[in-house]
Protein backbone atom coordinates (compact mmCIF):
# COMPACT_ATOMS: atom_id res chain seq x y z
CA UNK A 1 39.87 -40.96 37.67
CA UNK A 2 39.94 -39.73 41.16
CA UNK A 3 40.59 -41.91 44.13
CA UNK A 4 38.82 -41.54 47.44
CA UNK A 5 41.00 -40.52 50.33
CA UNK A 6 40.22 -43.49 52.48
CA UNK A 7 38.72 -45.84 49.92
CA UNK A 8 40.32 -48.65 48.06
CA UNK A 9 38.77 -48.14 44.55
CA UNK A 10 38.11 -45.34 42.11
CA UNK A 11 35.37 -42.78 42.77
CA UNK A 12 32.40 -42.88 40.47
CA UNK A 13 31.44 -39.17 40.84
CA UNK A 14 30.93 -37.05 37.73
CA UNK A 15 33.01 -33.90 37.60
CA UNK A 16 30.36 -31.25 36.70
CA UNK A 17 32.61 -28.19 36.79
CA UNK A 18 33.36 -28.18 33.01
CA UNK A 19 29.66 -28.80 32.30
CA UNK A 20 28.66 -25.78 34.38
CA UNK A 21 31.22 -23.62 32.55
CA UNK A 22 29.82 -24.63 29.14
CA UNK A 23 26.22 -24.02 30.25
CA UNK A 24 27.09 -20.57 31.59
CA UNK A 25 28.84 -19.61 28.33
CA UNK A 26 25.80 -20.77 26.33
CA UNK A 27 23.50 -18.83 28.63
CA UNK A 28 25.52 -15.64 28.07
CA UNK A 29 25.54 -16.17 24.30
CA UNK A 30 21.77 -16.64 24.19
CA UNK A 31 21.19 -13.65 26.48
CA UNK A 32 23.16 -11.46 24.07
CA UNK A 33 21.70 -12.86 20.82
CA UNK A 34 17.97 -13.10 21.66
CA UNK A 35 17.32 -9.32 21.73
CA UNK A 36 19.00 -8.98 18.31
CA UNK A 37 16.91 -11.82 16.87
CA UNK A 38 13.66 -10.31 18.20
CA UNK A 39 14.30 -6.93 16.61
CA UNK A 40 11.42 -6.64 14.14
CA UNK A 41 10.21 -3.94 11.81
CA UNK A 42 6.51 -3.58 11.23
CA UNK A 43 5.42 -3.10 7.63
CA UNK A 44 1.98 -1.98 6.50
CA UNK A 45 1.01 -3.84 3.34
CA UNK A 46 -1.47 -1.99 1.14
CA UNK A 47 -4.78 -3.74 0.49
CA UNK A 48 -5.05 -5.76 -2.69
CA UNK A 49 -6.57 -3.77 -5.53
CA UNK A 50 -9.30 -5.24 -7.71
CA UNK A 51 -8.09 -7.09 -10.81
CA UNK A 52 -9.33 -4.37 -13.14
CA UNK A 53 -7.13 -1.75 -11.48
CA UNK A 54 -3.96 -3.86 -11.53
CA UNK A 55 -3.53 -3.57 -15.29
CA UNK A 56 -3.16 0.01 -16.44
CA UNK A 57 -4.18 0.61 -20.02
CA UNK A 58 -1.24 1.09 -22.35
CA UNK A 59 -0.48 4.73 -22.88
CA UNK A 60 -0.05 6.17 -26.33
CA UNK A 61 3.73 6.25 -26.03
CA UNK A 62 3.99 2.51 -25.36
CA UNK A 63 3.79 -0.18 -28.00
CA UNK A 64 2.11 -3.36 -26.78
CA UNK A 65 2.00 -6.27 -29.19
CA UNK A 66 -0.40 -9.12 -28.47
CA UNK A 67 -0.32 -12.56 -30.02
CA UNK A 68 -3.64 -14.41 -29.92
CA UNK A 69 -4.24 -18.14 -29.59
CA UNK A 70 -4.79 -18.49 -33.33
CA UNK A 71 -1.58 -16.56 -34.18
CA UNK A 72 -3.14 -13.16 -34.92
CA UNK A 73 -0.91 -10.21 -34.02
CA UNK A 74 -2.12 -6.79 -32.84
CA UNK A 75 -0.26 -3.68 -31.78
CA UNK A 76 -2.11 -1.50 -29.24
CA UNK A 77 -5.34 -3.30 -30.16
CA UNK A 78 -4.99 -2.80 -33.92
CA UNK A 79 -4.90 -6.14 -35.77
CA UNK A 80 -2.00 -6.49 -38.19
CA UNK A 81 -1.27 -9.31 -40.63
CA UNK A 82 2.03 -11.01 -39.81
CA UNK A 83 3.35 -10.10 -43.29
CA UNK A 84 2.89 -6.35 -42.62
CA UNK A 85 4.20 -6.45 -39.03
CA UNK A 86 7.74 -5.35 -39.88
CA UNK A 87 6.59 -2.32 -41.89
CA UNK A 88 4.09 -1.26 -39.22
CA UNK A 89 6.63 -1.58 -36.39
CA UNK A 90 9.25 0.28 -38.42
CA UNK A 91 6.88 3.22 -38.99
CA UNK A 92 5.77 3.28 -35.34
CA UNK A 93 9.28 3.39 -33.86
CA UNK A 94 11.08 5.57 -36.39
CA UNK A 95 10.43 8.82 -34.48
CA UNK A 96 10.85 7.37 -31.00
CA UNK A 97 13.93 7.82 -28.86
CA UNK A 98 13.35 4.53 -27.03
CA UNK A 99 12.96 1.68 -29.48
CA UNK A 100 11.02 -0.62 -27.14
CA UNK A 101 8.00 -2.87 -27.61
CA UNK A 102 6.16 -4.93 -25.03
CA UNK A 103 4.71 -8.35 -25.80
CA UNK A 104 1.59 -9.62 -24.09
CA UNK A 105 0.99 -13.05 -25.64
CA UNK A 106 -2.07 -15.12 -24.87
CA UNK A 107 -1.38 -18.07 -22.56
CA UNK A 108 -2.56 -20.48 -25.25
CA UNK A 109 -0.65 -18.78 -28.09
CA UNK A 110 1.81 -21.09 -29.87
CA UNK A 111 5.37 -20.46 -28.76
CA UNK A 112 6.62 -20.44 -32.35
CA UNK A 113 4.21 -17.65 -33.35
CA UNK A 114 5.28 -15.50 -30.40
CA UNK A 115 8.97 -15.96 -31.17
CA UNK A 116 8.36 -15.27 -34.87
CA UNK A 117 6.61 -11.97 -34.01
CA UNK A 118 9.49 -11.04 -31.68
CA UNK A 119 12.04 -11.80 -34.40
CA UNK A 120 10.15 -9.68 -36.92
CA UNK A 121 10.02 -6.75 -34.47
CA UNK A 122 13.69 -7.12 -33.67
CA UNK A 123 14.50 -7.12 -37.39
CA UNK A 124 12.40 -3.99 -37.86
CA UNK A 125 14.69 -2.02 -35.54
CA UNK A 126 13.33 -2.60 -32.05
CA UNK A 127 16.21 -2.53 -29.55
CA UNK A 128 14.39 -3.77 -26.44
CA UNK A 129 11.72 -6.43 -26.19
CA UNK A 130 9.66 -6.63 -23.01
CA UNK A 131 7.42 -9.52 -22.04
CA UNK A 132 4.43 -8.68 -19.88
CA UNK A 133 3.40 -11.10 -17.14
CA UNK A 134 0.25 -11.44 -15.11
């Protein structure tokens, strides 16, 4: 508290010097930071392709297994009974350097059937299982 020179009580003035110092420091900080925050990079996003072009057809060197809603299994569009799946996969991957198969199950396919098909493929010698998404 400061006392007035000729007065009898305390002065009720606010000392604004520390407030001005803080405001000036904040002003300097914002002046330095705002140009760095406004630094933007423009990116050109390609136009969205039609749905038919998004999904490339599987090439002959890829194995794509599909599991239908009723549990039917097909490899590259060829329907295979679940009992013969291991033999078919074994013959398809025996001469391949990359022992990989992709799974594209139907959304309504039972989870147990999909896992069973994956287990059979894994037991037939497939090293990598890939799951395709939409």
